[in-house]
Amino acid sequence: MDPINEIELEDCPVCRGAGYIEDEQGWCMYACCLNCGTETAHVSYKTPEERLEAARQAAYLWNIGILVVVREVERVFDRKA
């Protein structure tokens, strides 16, 4: 089993949806919400040994609410008045 699946994530800080750690084709990790699409910064890694630490860093950013993409808020501004 991949140890990344054992990392605990809080609920989404924006919508309270489930969080997930995503691996982008072997170059970075980030945490995201399966409901609204909110994401953390991408944490890069170069070796398999750095992969788990990158996932832990992304989870830490998520769990303390440091986010870079908040799609739910964008939708509110896209509505026509």
PDB file of N, CA and C in Angstrom:
ATOM      1  N   MET A   1       0.836  -1.188   0.000  1.00  0.00           N
ATOM      2  CA  MET A   1       0.000   0.000   0.000  1.00  0.00           C
ATOM      3  C   MET A   1       0.879   1.249   0.000  1.00  0.00           C
ATOM      4  N   ASP A   2       0.475   2.249  -0.725  1.00  0.00           N
ATOM      5  CA  ASP A   2       1.211   3.503  -0.815  1.00  0.00           C
ATOM      6  C   ASP A   2       1.087   4.255   0.515  1.00  0.00           C
ATOM      7  N   PRO A   3       2.221   4.607   1.160  1.00  0.00           N
ATOM      8  CA  PRO A   3       2.135   5.313   2.448  1.00  0.00           C
ATOM      9  C   PRO A   3       1.458   6.677   2.349  1.00  0.00           C
ATOM     10  N   ILE A   4       1.370   7.243   1.163  1.00  0.00           N
ATOM     11  CA  ILE A   4       0.694   8.526   0.990  1.00  0.00           C
ATOM     12  C   ILE A   4      -0.790   8.406   1.344  1.00  0.00           C
ATOM     13  N   ASN A   5      -1.366   7.240   1.111  1.00  0.00           N
ATOM     14  CA  ASN A   5      -2.776   7.026   1.438  1.00  0.00           C
ATOM     15  C   ASN A   5      -3.043   7.032   2.940  1.00  0.00           C
ATOM     16  N   GLU A   6      -1.988   6.940   3.741  1.00  0.00           N
ATOM     17  CA  GLU A   6      -2.124   6.941   5.195  1.00  0.00           C
ATOM     18  C   GLU A   6      -2.090   8.351   5.786  1.00  0.00           C
ATOM     19  N   ILE A   7      -1.743   9.362   4.989  1.00  0.00           N
ATOM     20  CA  ILE A   7      -1.654  10.734   5.475  1.00  0.00           C
ATOM     21  C   ILE A   7      -3.066  11.275   5.697  1.00  0.00           C
ATOM     22  N   GLU A   8      -3.301  11.817   6.885  1.00  0.00           N
ATOM     23  CA  GLU A   8      -4.628  12.338   7.211  1.00  0.00           C
ATOM     24  C   GLU A   8      -4.803  13.768   6.712  1.00  0.00           C
ATOM     25  N   LEU A   9      -5.949  14.023   6.104  1.00  0.00           N
ATOM     26  CA  LEU A   9      -6.311  15.364   5.647  1.00  0.00           C
ATOM     27  C   LEU A   9      -7.578  15.811   6.352  1.00  0.00           C
ATOM     28  N   GLU A  10      -7.593  17.068   6.742  1.00  0.00           N
ATOM     29  CA  GLU A  10      -8.804  17.664   7.293  1.00  0.00           C
ATOM     30  C   GLU A  10      -9.811  17.843   6.154  1.00  0.00           C
ATOM     31  N   ASP A  11     -11.056  18.142   6.505  1.00  0.00           N
ATOM     32  CA  ASP A  11     -12.048  18.487   5.488  1.00  0.00           C
ATOM     33  C   ASP A  11     -11.634  19.788   4.811  1.00  0.00           C
ATOM     34  N   CYS A  12     -12.166  20.029   3.626  1.00  0.00           N
ATOM     35  CA  CYS A  12     -11.849  21.234   2.861  1.00  0.00           C
ATOM     36  C   CYS A  12     -12.149  22.483   3.695  1.00  0.00           C
ATOM     37  N   PRO A  13     -11.198  23.418   3.763  1.00  0.00           N
ATOM     38  CA  PRO A  13     -11.433  24.655   4.500  1.00  0.00           C
ATOM     39  C   PRO A  13     -12.524  25.531   3.886  1.00  0.00           C
ATOM     40  N   VAL A  14     -12.853  25.316   2.621  1.00  0.00           N
ATOM     41  CA  VAL A  14     -13.844  26.147   1.933  1.00  0.00           C
ATOM     42  C   VAL A  14     -15.245  25.549   2.030  1.00  0.00           C
ATOM     43  N   CYS A  15     -15.393  24.272   1.635  1.00  0.00           N
ATOM     44  CA  CYS A  15     -16.737  23.689   1.547  1.00  0.00           C
ATOM     45  C   CYS A  15     -16.960  22.489   2.463  1.00  0.00           C
ATOM     46  N   ARG A  16     -15.930  22.087   3.184  1.00  0.00           N
ATOM     47  CA  ARG A  16     -15.983  20.917   4.072  1.00  0.00           C
ATOM     48  C   ARG A  16     -16.076  19.588   3.317  1.00  0.00           C
ATOM     49  N   GLY A  17     -15.731  19.584   2.029  1.00  0.00           N
ATOM     50  CA  GLY A  17     -15.680  18.348   1.245  1.00  0.00           C
ATOM     51  C   GLY A  17     -14.448  17.529   1.607  1.00  0.00           C
ATOM     52  N   ALA A  18     -14.346  16.355   1.023  1.00  0.00           N
ATOM     53  CA  ALA A  18     -13.221  15.454   1.292  1.00  0.00           C
ATOM     54  C   ALA A  18     -11.967  15.925   0.572  1.00  0.00           C
ATOM     55  N   GLY A  19     -10.836  15.849   1.263  1.00  0.00           N
ATOM     56  CA  GLY A  19      -9.554  16.187   0.670  1.00  0.00           C
ATOM     57  C   GLY A  19      -8.877  14.960   0.080  1.00  0.00           C
ATOM     58  N   TYR A  20      -7.967  15.198  -0.869  1.00  0.00           N
ATOM     59  CA  TYR A  20      -7.276  14.131  -1.568  1.00  0.00           C
ATOM     60  C   TYR A  20      -5.879  14.626  -1.930  1.00  0.00           C
ATOM     61  N   ILE A  21      -4.874  13.763  -1.839  1.00  0.00           N
ATOM     62  CA  ILE A  21      -3.525  14.131  -2.259  1.00  0.00           C
ATOM     63  C   ILE A  21      -3.308  13.625  -3.681  1.00  0.00           C
ATOM     64  N   GLU A  22      -2.946  14.528  -4.563  1.00  0.00           N
ATOM     65  CA  GLU A  22      -2.771  14.229  -5.985  1.00  0.00           C
ATOM     66  C   GLU A  22      -1.286  14.223  -6.339  1.00  0.00           C
ATOM     67  N   ASP A  23      -0.874  13.249  -7.136  1.00  0.00           N
ATOM     68  CA  ASP A  23       0.499  13.156  -7.651  1.00  0.00           C
ATOM     69  C   ASP A  23       0.461  13.503  -9.132  1.00  0.00           C
ATOM     70  N   GLU A  24       1.116  14.581  -9.516  1.00  0.00           N
ATOM     71  CA  GLU A  24       1.104  15.057 -10.897  1.00  0.00           C
ATOM     72  C   GLU A  24       2.237  14.449 -11.715  1.00  0.00           C
ATOM     73  N   GLN A  25       2.037  13.274 -12.231  1.00  0.00           N
ATOM     74  CA  GLN A  25       2.968  12.634 -13.157  1.00  0.00           C
ATOM     75  C   GLN A  25       4.405  12.585 -12.654  1.00  0.00           C
ATOM     76  N   GLY A  26       4.576  12.408 -11.369  1.00  0.00           N
ATOM     77  CA  GLY A  26       5.906  12.206 -10.823  1.00  0.00           C
ATOM     78  C   GLY A  26       6.761  13.436 -10.637  1.00  0.00           C
ATOM     79  N   TRP A  27       6.188  14.636 -10.646  1.00  0.00           N
ATOM     80  CA  TRP A  27       7.012  15.830 -10.419  1.00  0.00           C
ATOM     81  C   TRP A  27       6.543  16.682  -9.247  1.00  0.00           C
ATOM     82  N   CYS A  28       5.274  16.559  -8.836  1.00  0.00           N
ATOM     83  CA  CYS A  28       4.806  17.331  -7.680  1.00  0.00           C
ATOM     84  C   CYS A  28       3.590  16.674  -7.047  1.00  0.00           C
ATOM     85  N   MET A  29       3.327  17.104  -5.824  1.00  0.00           N
ATOM     86  CA  MET A  29       2.153  16.661  -5.078  1.00  0.00           C
ATOM     87  C   MET A  29       1.388  17.900  -4.644  1.00  0.00           C
ATOM     88  N   TYR A  30       0.075  17.758  -4.510  1.00  0.00           N
ATOM     89  CA  TYR A  30      -0.738  18.819  -3.924  1.00  0.00           C
ATOM     90  C   TYR A  30      -1.985  18.192  -3.338  1.00  0.00           C
ATOM     91  N   ALA A  31      -2.608  18.898  -2.410  1.00  0.00           N
ATOM     92  CA  ALA A  31      -3.868  18.443  -1.837  1.00  0.00           C
ATOM     93  C   ALA A  31      -4.993  19.216  -2.509  1.00  0.00           C
ATOM     94  N   CYS A  32      -6.118  18.536  -2.710  1.00  0.00           N
ATOM     95  CA  CYS A  32      -7.253  19.195  -3.360  1.00  0.00           C
ATOM     96  C   CYS A  32      -8.564  18.662  -2.787  1.00  0.00           C
ATOM     97  N   CYS A  33      -9.626  19.424  -3.035  1.00  0.00           N
ATOM     98  CA  CYS A  33     -10.961  19.036  -2.587  1.00  0.00           C
ATOM     99  C   CYS A  33     -11.672  18.306  -3.718  1.00  0.00           C
ATOM    100  N   LEU A  34     -12.251  17.175  -3.401  1.00  0.00           N
ATOM    101  CA  LEU A  34     -12.998  16.416  -4.401  1.00  0.00           C
ATOM    102  C   LEU A  34     -14.337  17.060  -4.730  1.00  0.00           C
ATOM    103  N   ASN A  35     -14.773  18.007  -3.912  1.00  0.00           N
ATOM    104  CA  ASN A  35     -16.067  18.649  -4.115  1.00  0.00           C
ATOM    105  C   ASN A  35     -15.953  19.972  -4.875  1.00  0.00           C
ATOM    106  N   CYS A  36     -15.147  20.911  -4.363  1.00  0.00           N
ATOM    107  CA  CYS A  36     -15.111  22.250  -4.968  1.00  0.00           C
ATOM    108  C   CYS A  36     -13.856  22.534  -5.780  1.00  0.00           C
ATOM    109  N   GLY A  37     -12.840  21.675  -5.710  1.00  0.00           N
ATOM    110  CA  GLY A  37     -11.639  21.863  -6.506  1.00  0.00           C
ATOM    111  C   GLY A  37     -10.566  22.744  -5.902  1.00  0.00           C
ATOM    112  N   THR A  38     -10.752  23.217  -4.681  1.00  0.00           N
ATOM    113  CA  THR A  38      -9.732  24.016  -4.018  1.00  0.00           C
ATOM    114  C   THR A  38      -8.435  23.213  -3.941  1.00  0.00           C
ATOM    115  N   GLU A  39      -7.287  23.885  -4.107  1.00  0.00           N
ATOM    116  CA  GLU A  39      -5.988  23.212  -4.094  1.00  0.00           C
ATOM    117  C   GLU A  39      -4.984  23.962  -3.240  1.00  0.00           C
ATOM    118  N   THR A  40      -3.930  23.227  -2.853  1.00  0.00           N
ATOM    119  CA  THR A  40      -2.769  23.851  -2.220  1.00  0.00           C
ATOM    120  C   THR A  40      -1.751  24.161  -3.320  1.00  0.00           C
ATOM    121  N   ALA A  41      -0.667  24.787  -2.916  1.00  0.00           N
ATOM    122  CA  ALA A  41       0.467  24.961  -3.824  1.00  0.00           C
ATOM    123  C   ALA A  41       1.001  23.583  -4.202  1.00  0.00           C
ATOM    124  N   HIS A  42       1.629  23.495  -5.352  1.00  0.00           N
ATOM    125  CA  HIS A  42       2.256  22.251  -5.775  1.00  0.00           C
ATOM    126  C   HIS A  42       3.620  22.147  -5.106  1.00  0.00           C
ATOM    127  N   VAL A  43       3.880  21.003  -4.499  1.00  0.00           N
ATOM    128  CA  VAL A  43       5.147  20.757  -3.811  1.00  0.00           C
ATOM    129  C   VAL A  43       5.947  19.793  -4.680  1.00  0.00           C
ATOM    130  N   SER A  44       7.041  20.293  -5.248  1.00  0.00           N
ATOM    131  CA  SER A  44       7.812  19.481  -6.200  1.00  0.00           C
ATOM    132  C   SER A  44       8.711  18.475  -5.485  1.00  0.00           C
ATOM    133  N   TYR A  45       9.034  17.421  -6.229  1.00  0.00           N
ATOM    134  CA  TYR A  45      10.000  16.426  -5.771  1.00  0.00           C
ATOM    135  C   TYR A  45      10.719  15.873  -6.992  1.00  0.00           C
ATOM    136  N   LYS A  46      11.936  15.373  -6.760  1.00  0.00           N
ATOM    137  CA  LYS A  46      12.745  14.871  -7.873  1.00  0.00           C
ATOM    138  C   LYS A  46      13.040  13.386  -7.781  1.00  0.00           C
ATOM    139  N   THR A  47      12.994  12.828  -6.590  1.00  0.00           N
ATOM    140  CA  THR A  47      13.333  11.423  -6.411  1.00  0.00           C
ATOM    141  C   THR A  47      12.191  10.715  -5.683  1.00  0.00           C
ATOM    142  N   PRO A  48      12.134   9.395  -5.806  1.00  0.00           N
ATOM    143  CA  PRO A  48      11.112   8.641  -5.065  1.00  0.00           C
ATOM    144  C   PRO A  48      11.215   8.855  -3.551  1.00  0.00           C
ATOM    145  N   GLU A  49      12.424   9.096  -3.066  1.00  0.00           N
ATOM    146  CA  GLU A  49      12.621   9.319  -1.641  1.00  0.00           C
ATOM    147  C   GLU A  49      11.974  10.637  -1.199  1.00  0.00           C
ATOM    148  N   GLU A  50      11.941  11.637  -2.074  1.00  0.00           N
ATOM    149  CA  GLU A  50      11.351  12.936  -1.747  1.00  0.00           C
ATOM    150  C   GLU A  50       9.830  12.952  -1.898  1.00  0.00           C
ATOM    151  N   ARG A  51       9.265  11.948  -2.545  1.00  0.00           N
ATOM    152  CA  ARG A  51       7.831  11.913  -2.851  1.00  0.00           C
ATOM    153  C   ARG A  51       6.964  11.954  -1.592  1.00  0.00           C
ATOM    154  N   LEU A  52       7.275  11.113  -0.612  1.00  0.00           N
ATOM    155  CA  LEU A  52       6.479  11.060   0.615  1.00  0.00           C
ATOM    156  C   LEU A  52       6.565  12.381   1.371  1.00  0.00           C
ATOM    157  N   GLU A  53       7.750  12.977   1.434  1.00  0.00           N
ATOM    158  CA  GLU A  53       7.890  14.255   2.126  1.00  0.00           C
ATOM    159  C   GLU A  53       7.103  15.346   1.416  1.00  0.00           C
ATOM    160  N   ALA A  54       7.083  15.332   0.096  1.00  0.00           N
ATOM    161  CA  ALA A  54       6.291  16.317  -0.656  1.00  0.00           C
ATOM    162  C   ALA A  54       4.809  16.154  -0.335  1.00  0.00           C
ATOM    163  N   ALA A  55       4.338  14.920  -0.239  1.00  0.00           N
ATOM    164  CA  ALA A  55       2.938  14.669   0.112  1.00  0.00           C
ATOM    165  C   ALA A  55       2.635  15.162   1.522  1.00  0.00           C
ATOM    166  N   ARG A  56       3.558  14.940   2.445  1.00  0.00           N
ATOM    167  CA  ARG A  56       3.365  15.425   3.820  1.00  0.00           C
ATOM    168  C   ARG A  56       3.304  16.946   3.866  1.00  0.00           C
ATOM    169  N   GLN A  57       4.145  17.605   3.070  1.00  0.00           N
ATOM    170  CA  GLN A  57       4.138  19.066   3.027  1.00  0.00           C
ATOM    171  C   GLN A  57       2.821  19.587   2.451  1.00  0.00           C
ATOM    172  N   ALA A  58       2.334  18.954   1.392  1.00  0.00           N
ATOM    173  CA  ALA A  58       1.055  19.358   0.803  1.00  0.00           C
ATOM    174  C   ALA A  58      -0.079  19.165   1.813  1.00  0.00           C
ATOM    175  N   ALA A  59      -0.056  18.062   2.542  1.00  0.00           N
ATOM    176  CA  ALA A  59      -1.083  17.808   3.558  1.00  0.00           C
ATOM    177  C   ALA A  59      -1.010  18.849   4.676  1.00  0.00           C
ATOM    178  N   TYR A  60       0.185  19.222   5.071  1.00  0.00           N
ATOM    179  CA  TYR A  60       0.344  20.244   6.109  1.00  0.00           C
ATOM    180  C   TYR A  60      -0.263  21.569   5.648  1.00  0.00           C
ATOM    181  N   LEU A  61       0.040  21.982   4.414  1.00  0.00           N
ATOM    182  CA  LEU A  61      -0.530  23.220   3.873  1.00  0.00           C
ATOM    183  C   LEU A  61      -2.056  23.163   3.885  1.00  0.00           C
ATOM    184  N   TRP A  62      -2.596  22.033   3.462  1.00  0.00           N
ATOM    185  CA  TRP A  62      -4.046  21.836   3.427  1.00  0.00           C
ATOM    186  C   TRP A  62      -4.649  21.941   4.825  1.00  0.00           C
ATOM    187  N   ASN A  63      -4.040  21.223   5.762  1.00  0.00           N
ATOM    188  CA  ASN A  63      -4.595  21.141   7.110  1.00  0.00           C
ATOM    189  C   ASN A  63      -4.550  22.465   7.870  1.00  0.00           C
ATOM    190  N   ILE A  64      -3.637  23.367   7.489  1.00  0.00           N
ATOM    191  CA  ILE A  64      -3.616  24.679   8.145  1.00  0.00           C
ATOM    192  C   ILE A  64      -4.319  25.748   7.309  1.00  0.00           C
ATOM    193  N   GLY A  65      -4.849  25.353   6.144  1.00  0.00           N
ATOM    194  CA  GLY A  65      -5.680  26.258   5.352  1.00  0.00           C
ATOM    195  C   GLY A  65      -4.932  27.171   4.398  1.00  0.00           C
ATOM    196  N   ILE A  66      -3.703  26.797   4.009  1.00  0.00           N
ATOM    197  CA  ILE A  66      -2.950  27.594   3.041  1.00  0.00           C
ATOM    198  C   ILE A  66      -3.309  27.079   1.641  1.00  0.00           C
ATOM    199  N   LEU A  67      -4.122  27.842   0.925  1.00  0.00           N
ATOM    200  CA  LEU A  67      -4.657  27.418  -0.363  1.00  0.00           C
ATOM    201  C   LEU A  67      -4.289  28.418  -1.451  1.00  0.00           C
ATOM    202  N   VAL A  68      -4.172  27.937  -2.690  1.00  0.00           N
ATOM    203  CA  VAL A  68      -3.864  28.843  -3.790  1.00  0.00           C
ATOM    204  C   VAL A  68      -4.961  28.905  -4.837  1.00  0.00           C
ATOM    205  N   VAL A  69      -5.808  27.916  -4.911  1.00  0.00           N
ATOM    206  CA  VAL A  69      -6.897  27.895  -5.877  1.00  0.00           C
ATOM    207  C   VAL A  69      -8.191  27.630  -5.126  1.00  0.00           C
ATOM    208  N   VAL A  70      -9.128  28.556  -5.228  1.00  0.00           N
ATOM    209  CA  VAL A  70     -10.417  28.395  -4.561  1.00  0.00           C
ATOM    210  C   VAL A  70     -11.491  28.545  -5.630  1.00  0.00           C
ATOM    211  N   ARG A  71     -11.888  27.454  -6.245  1.00  0.00           N
ATOM    212  CA  ARG A  71     -12.835  27.497  -7.359  1.00  0.00           C
ATOM    213  C   ARG A  71     -14.240  27.875  -6.915  1.00  0.00           C
ATOM    214  N   GLU A  72     -14.628  27.521  -5.714  1.00  0.00           N
ATOM    215  CA  GLU A  72     -15.976  27.834  -5.225  1.00  0.00           C
ATOM    216  C   GLU A  72     -16.185  29.349  -5.190  1.00  0.00           C
ATOM    217  N   VAL A  73     -15.200  30.076  -4.724  1.00  0.00           N
ATOM    218  CA  VAL A  73     -15.301  31.531  -4.659  1.00  0.00           C
ATOM    219  C   VAL A  73     -15.348  32.119  -6.071  1.00  0.00           C
ATOM    220  N   GLU A  74     -14.568  31.563  -6.992  1.00  0.00           N
ATOM    221  CA  GLU A  74     -14.580  32.052  -8.367  1.00  0.00           C
ATOM    222  C   GLU A  74     -15.978  31.958  -8.965  1.00  0.00           C
ATOM    223  N   ARG A  75     -16.689  30.889  -8.673  1.00  0.00           N
ATOM    224  CA  ARG A  75     -18.036  30.709  -9.223  1.00  0.00           C
ATOM    225  C   ARG A  75     -18.974  31.810  -8.754  1.00  0.00           C
ATOM    226  N   VAL A  76     -18.823  32.249  -7.524  1.00  0.00           N
ATOM    227  CA  VAL A  76     -19.693  33.322  -7.010  1.00  0.00           C
ATOM    228  C   VAL A  76     -19.493  34.578  -7.828  1.00  0.00           C
ATOM    229  N   PHE A  77     -18.258  34.913  -8.191  1.00  0.00           N
ATOM    230  CA  PHE A  77     -17.982  36.129  -8.951  1.00  0.00           C
ATOM    231  C   PHE A  77     -18.360  35.993 -10.429  1.00  0.00           C
ATOM    232  N   ASP A  78     -18.491  34.767 -10.916  1.00  0.00           N
ATOM    233  CA  ASP A  78     -18.856  34.551 -12.308  1.00  0.00           C
ATOM    234  C   ASP A  78     -20.354  34.733 -12.561  1.00  0.00           C
ATOM    235  N   ARG A  79     -21.153  34.726 -11.501  1.00  0.00           N
ATOM    236  CA  ARG A  79     -22.616  34.854 -11.679  1.00  0.00           C
ATOM    237  C   ARG A  79     -22.983  36.238 -12.213  1.00  0.00           C
ATOM    238  N   LYS A  80     -23.975  36.271 -13.044  1.00  0.00           N
ATOM    239  CA  LYS A  80     -24.479  37.545 -13.559  1.00  0.00           C
ATOM    240  C   LYS A  80     -25.441  38.138 -12.551  1.00  0.00           C
ATOM    241  N   ALA A  81     -25.365  39.429 -12.376  1.00  0.00           N
ATOM    242  CA  ALA A  81     -26.243  40.099 -11.402  1.00  0.00           C
ATOM    243  C   ALA A  81     -27.631  40.291 -11.968  1.00  0.00           C
TER     244      ALA A  81
END
